[in-house]
């Protein structure tokens, strides 16, 4: 193999690793709300009242919304905590005394 083909193979392997990691993150994040819902359903079946579990329902709704946002960010390749990329990323230097 040539140096170029070796580098291309390494790049392809790196891309595959990132794609696999993205898929794993999406599967994990997307599965959290279902785990919470299963716990709520089990608690209801064991005699808990809907009123007792209302906080879990609210939390689960928020998790679904945030999981969708995180999944979108992962697919888009953006950091959910990053500032707007259209802004100036250069920090202001400290003034000279």
N, C-alpha and C. Protein backbone atom coordinates (compact mmCIF):
# COMPACT_ATOMS: atom_id res chain seq x y z
N UNK A 1 0.84 -1.19 0.00
CA UNK A 1 0.00 0.00 0.00
C UNK A 1 0.88 1.25 0.00
N UNK A 2 0.33 2.28 -0.58
CA UNK A 2 1.05 3.55 -0.58
C UNK A 2 0.72 4.33 0.68
N UNK A 3 1.52 5.33 0.93
CA UNK A 3 1.28 6.18 2.11
C UNK A 3 -0.08 6.85 2.02
N UNK A 4 -0.48 7.24 0.83
CA UNK A 4 -1.79 7.90 0.66
C UNK A 4 -2.92 6.93 0.96
N UNK A 5 -2.83 5.71 0.45
CA UNK A 5 -3.91 4.75 0.70
C UNK A 5 -3.96 4.35 2.17
N UNK A 6 -2.81 4.28 2.82
CA UNK A 6 -2.80 3.99 4.26
C UNK A 6 -3.46 5.12 5.05
N UNK A 7 -3.18 6.34 4.67
CA UNK A 7 -3.80 7.48 5.35
C UNK A 7 -5.30 7.52 5.08
N UNK A 8 -5.68 7.19 3.86
CA UNK A 8 -7.10 7.16 3.53
C UNK A 8 -7.82 6.07 4.32
N UNK A 9 -7.21 4.92 4.44
CA UNK A 9 -7.79 3.83 5.25
C UNK A 9 -7.92 4.25 6.71
N UNK A 10 -6.91 4.93 7.24
CA UNK A 10 -6.96 5.40 8.62
C UNK A 10 -8.07 6.43 8.79
N UNK A 11 -8.22 7.31 7.82
CA UNK A 11 -9.28 8.31 7.88
C UNK A 11 -10.65 7.65 7.82
N UNK A 12 -10.81 6.66 6.94
CA UNK A 12 -12.08 5.93 6.87
C UNK A 12 -12.40 5.24 8.19
N UNK A 13 -11.38 4.64 8.81
CA UNK A 13 -11.59 3.97 10.10
C UNK A 13 -11.99 4.99 11.16
N UNK A 14 -11.40 6.17 11.13
CA UNK A 14 -11.76 7.22 12.08
C UNK A 14 -13.19 7.69 11.90
N UNK A 15 -13.59 7.86 10.66
CA UNK A 15 -14.97 8.28 10.36
C UNK A 15 -15.95 7.21 10.84
N UNK A 16 -15.63 5.94 10.60
CA UNK A 16 -16.50 4.84 11.06
C UNK A 16 -16.62 4.85 12.58
N UNK A 17 -15.52 5.11 13.27
CA UNK A 17 -15.53 5.14 14.73
C UNK A 17 -16.43 6.26 15.23
N UNK A 18 -16.37 7.43 14.59
CA UNK A 18 -17.23 8.55 14.97
C UNK A 18 -18.69 8.22 14.69
N UNK A 19 -18.97 7.65 13.55
CA UNK A 19 -20.35 7.27 13.22
C UNK A 19 -20.89 6.25 14.21
N UNK A 20 -20.07 5.28 14.60
CA UNK A 20 -20.50 4.28 15.59
C UNK A 20 -20.77 4.94 16.95
N UNK A 21 -19.91 5.90 17.33
CA UNK A 21 -20.10 6.60 18.59
C UNK A 21 -21.38 7.43 18.56
N UNK A 22 -21.64 8.10 17.45
CA UNK A 22 -22.87 8.87 17.31
C UNK A 22 -24.09 7.98 17.47
N UNK A 23 -24.06 6.83 16.82
CA UNK A 23 -25.19 5.89 16.91
C UNK A 23 -25.39 5.42 18.35
N UNK A 24 -24.30 5.16 19.05
CA UNK A 24 -24.41 4.71 20.44
C UNK A 24 -24.98 5.81 21.33
N UNK A 25 -24.53 7.04 21.13
CA UNK A 25 -25.05 8.17 21.91
C UNK A 25 -26.53 8.36 21.64
N UNK A 26 -26.91 8.32 20.38
CA UNK A 26 -28.33 8.50 20.04
C UNK A 26 -29.19 7.41 20.65
N UNK A 27 -28.72 6.16 20.60
CA UNK A 27 -29.49 5.05 21.17
C UNK A 27 -29.62 5.22 22.68
N UNK A 28 -28.54 5.61 23.34
CA UNK A 28 -28.58 5.79 24.79
C UNK A 28 -29.50 6.93 25.19
N UNK A 29 -29.29 8.08 24.58
CA UNK A 29 -30.08 9.27 24.94
C UNK A 29 -31.56 9.05 24.62
N UNK A 30 -31.83 8.46 23.49
CA UNK A 30 -33.22 8.23 23.09
C UNK A 30 -33.90 7.19 23.99
N UNK A 31 -33.13 6.31 24.61
CA UNK A 31 -33.71 5.27 25.44
C UNK A 31 -34.03 5.68 26.87
N UNK A 32 -33.47 6.78 27.34
CA UNK A 32 -33.69 7.21 28.73
C UNK A 32 -35.17 7.47 29.02
N UNK A 33 -35.88 8.24 28.20
CA UNK A 33 -37.30 8.45 28.51
C UNK A 33 -38.10 7.15 28.61
N UNK A 34 -37.79 6.17 27.80
CA UNK A 34 -38.51 4.90 27.87
C UNK A 34 -38.23 4.18 29.19
N UNK A 35 -37.00 4.29 29.69
CA UNK A 35 -36.67 3.69 30.98
C UNK A 35 -37.46 4.36 32.11
N UNK A 36 -37.56 5.67 32.07
CA UNK A 36 -38.33 6.39 33.09
C UNK A 36 -39.80 6.00 33.00
N UNK A 37 -40.33 5.93 31.78
CA UNK A 37 -41.74 5.56 31.61
C UNK A 37 -42.00 4.15 32.11
N UNK A 38 -41.08 3.24 31.87
CA UNK A 38 -41.24 1.87 32.35
C UNK A 38 -41.26 1.84 33.88
N UNK A 39 -40.43 2.65 34.52
CA UNK A 39 -40.43 2.72 35.98
C UNK A 39 -41.75 3.29 36.50
N UNK A 40 -42.27 4.31 35.83
CA UNK A 40 -43.56 4.90 36.22
C UNK A 40 -44.67 3.86 36.07
N UNK A 41 -44.67 3.16 34.95
CA UNK A 41 -45.69 2.14 34.72
C UNK A 41 -45.63 1.05 35.79
N UNK A 42 -44.41 0.64 36.17
CA UNK A 42 -44.26 -0.38 37.20
C UNK A 42 -44.76 0.14 38.55
N UNK A 43 -44.48 1.41 38.84
CA UNK A 43 -44.94 2.00 40.10
C UNK A 43 -46.47 2.08 40.12
N UNK A 44 -47.06 2.45 39.00
CA UNK A 44 -48.53 2.48 38.92
C UNK A 44 -49.11 1.09 39.14
N UNK A 45 -48.50 0.10 38.53
CA UNK A 45 -48.98 -1.28 38.67
C UNK A 45 -48.83 -1.77 40.12
N UNK A 46 -47.87 -1.20 40.85
CA UNK A 46 -47.65 -1.59 42.24
C UNK A 46 -48.52 -0.79 43.21
N UNK A 47 -49.33 0.13 42.67
CA UNK A 47 -50.25 0.85 43.54
C UNK A 47 -49.99 2.33 43.71
N UNK A 48 -48.97 2.86 43.11
CA UNK A 48 -48.73 4.30 43.20
C UNK A 48 -49.85 5.03 42.46
N UNK A 49 -50.15 6.22 42.89
CA UNK A 49 -51.20 7.01 42.24
C UNK A 49 -50.57 7.92 41.19
N UNK A 50 -51.37 8.32 40.19
CA UNK A 50 -50.86 9.27 39.20
C UNK A 50 -50.37 10.57 39.85
N UNK A 51 -51.02 10.99 40.91
CA UNK A 51 -50.60 12.21 41.60
C UNK A 51 -49.21 12.04 42.20
N UNK A 52 -48.94 10.87 42.77
CA UNK A 52 -47.63 10.61 43.35
C UNK A 52 -46.53 10.59 42.29
N UNK A 53 -46.90 10.25 41.08
CA UNK A 53 -45.92 10.11 40.01
C UNK A 53 -45.91 11.29 39.04
N UNK A 54 -46.66 12.33 39.33
CA UNK A 54 -46.75 13.48 38.42
C UNK A 54 -45.39 14.10 38.15
N UNK A 55 -44.54 14.18 39.17
CA UNK A 55 -43.21 14.76 38.97
C UNK A 55 -42.40 13.94 37.97
N UNK A 56 -42.58 12.61 38.00
CA UNK A 56 -41.86 11.76 37.05
C UNK A 56 -42.37 11.98 35.62
N UNK A 57 -43.68 12.18 35.49
CA UNK A 57 -44.24 12.46 34.17
C UNK A 57 -43.69 13.76 33.62
N UNK A 58 -43.58 14.78 34.47
CA UNK A 58 -43.02 16.07 34.04
C UNK A 58 -41.56 15.90 33.65
N UNK A 59 -40.81 15.16 34.47
CA UNK A 59 -39.41 14.91 34.18
C UNK A 59 -39.26 14.16 32.86
N UNK A 60 -40.10 13.16 32.65
CA UNK A 60 -40.01 12.38 31.43
C UNK A 60 -40.31 13.23 30.20
N UNK A 61 -41.28 14.11 30.28
CA UNK A 61 -41.58 15.01 29.16
C UNK A 61 -40.37 15.88 28.85
N UNK A 62 -39.71 16.37 29.90
CA UNK A 62 -38.52 17.20 29.70
C UNK A 62 -37.39 16.37 29.10
N UNK A 63 -37.22 15.14 29.57
CA UNK A 63 -36.19 14.26 29.01
C UNK A 63 -36.41 13.99 27.53
N UNK A 64 -37.66 13.75 27.15
CA UNK A 64 -37.96 13.52 25.74
C UNK A 64 -37.55 14.73 24.91
N UNK A 65 -37.92 15.92 25.39
CA UNK A 65 -37.59 17.15 24.66
C UNK A 65 -36.07 17.34 24.57
N UNK A 66 -35.37 17.15 25.68
CA UNK A 66 -33.93 17.34 25.68
C UNK A 66 -33.21 16.24 24.90
N UNK A 67 -33.73 15.02 24.95
CA UNK A 67 -33.13 13.93 24.17
C UNK A 67 -33.24 14.23 22.67
N UNK A 68 -34.38 14.76 22.26
CA UNK A 68 -34.54 15.13 20.85
C UNK A 68 -33.54 16.22 20.47
N UNK A 69 -33.34 17.19 21.36
CA UNK A 69 -32.39 18.28 21.09
C UNK A 69 -30.97 17.75 21.01
N UNK A 70 -30.60 16.90 21.96
CA UNK A 70 -29.24 16.33 21.97
C UNK A 70 -29.02 15.48 20.72
N UNK A 71 -30.01 14.68 20.37
CA UNK A 71 -29.89 13.85 19.17
C UNK A 71 -29.68 14.72 17.94
N UNK A 72 -30.42 15.81 17.85
CA UNK A 72 -30.25 16.73 16.73
C UNK A 72 -28.87 17.36 16.72
N UNK A 73 -28.37 17.72 17.91
CA UNK A 73 -27.04 18.31 18.01
C UNK A 73 -25.96 17.30 17.61
N UNK A 74 -26.12 16.06 18.02
CA UNK A 74 -25.13 15.03 17.68
C UNK A 74 -25.11 14.81 16.17
N UNK A 75 -26.28 14.71 15.58
CA UNK A 75 -26.36 14.49 14.13
C UNK A 75 -25.78 15.69 13.38
N UNK A 76 -26.05 16.90 13.89
CA UNK A 76 -25.55 18.11 13.24
C UNK A 76 -24.06 18.33 13.52
N UNK A 77 -23.54 17.63 14.53
CA UNK A 77 -22.13 17.79 14.86
C UNK A 77 -21.84 19.03 15.66
N UNK A 78 -22.82 19.52 16.41
CA UNK A 78 -22.62 20.72 17.21
C UNK A 78 -22.59 20.38 18.68
N UNK A 79 -21.98 21.26 19.46
CA UNK A 79 -21.92 21.11 20.91
C UNK A 79 -23.13 21.84 21.49
N UNK A 80 -24.01 21.13 22.23
CA UNK A 80 -25.20 21.78 22.77
C UNK A 80 -24.89 22.98 23.65
N UNK A 81 -23.70 23.03 24.25
CA UNK A 81 -23.35 24.14 25.11
C UNK A 81 -22.54 25.21 24.41
N UNK A 82 -22.31 25.05 23.12
CA UNK A 82 -21.46 26.01 22.42
C UNK A 82 -22.24 27.24 22.01
N UNK A 83 -21.56 28.38 21.95
CA UNK A 83 -22.23 29.59 21.52
C UNK A 83 -22.55 29.54 20.04
N UNK A 84 -23.31 30.48 19.59
CA UNK A 84 -23.68 30.59 18.19
C UNK A 84 -22.40 30.66 17.35
N UNK A 85 -22.22 29.73 16.39
CA UNK A 85 -20.98 29.72 15.61
C UNK A 85 -20.81 30.94 14.72
N UNK A 86 -21.84 31.71 14.53
CA UNK A 86 -21.72 32.90 13.69
C UNK A 86 -21.05 34.05 14.43
N UNK A 87 -20.93 33.92 15.76
CA UNK A 87 -20.30 34.96 16.56
C UNK A 87 -18.79 34.91 16.43
N UNK A 88 -18.12 35.91 16.98
CA UNK A 88 -16.66 35.99 16.92
C UNK A 88 -16.08 35.07 18.00
N UNK A 89 -15.36 34.02 17.61
CA UNK A 89 -14.82 33.09 18.60
C UNK A 89 -13.55 33.59 19.27
N UNK A 90 -12.99 34.70 18.81
CA UNK A 90 -11.74 35.21 19.35
C UNK A 90 -12.00 35.98 20.64
N UNK A 91 -11.39 35.57 21.75
CA UNK A 91 -11.59 36.30 22.98
C UNK A 91 -10.88 37.65 22.95
N UNK A 92 -11.42 38.58 23.70
CA UNK A 92 -10.80 39.89 23.81
C UNK A 92 -9.53 39.76 24.65
N UNK A 93 -8.44 40.38 24.22
CA UNK A 93 -7.23 40.31 25.04
C UNK A 93 -7.39 41.18 26.28
N UNK A 94 -6.63 40.80 27.32
CA UNK A 94 -6.64 41.61 28.53
C UNK A 94 -5.97 42.95 28.23
N UNK A 95 -6.52 44.03 28.78
CA UNK A 95 -5.87 45.34 28.53
C UNK A 95 -4.49 45.38 29.19
N UNK A 96 -3.59 46.07 28.55
CA UNK A 96 -2.25 46.24 29.09
C UNK A 96 -2.28 47.38 30.10
N UNK A 97 -1.75 47.16 31.32
CA UNK A 97 -1.81 48.23 32.34
C UNK A 97 -0.89 49.38 32.03
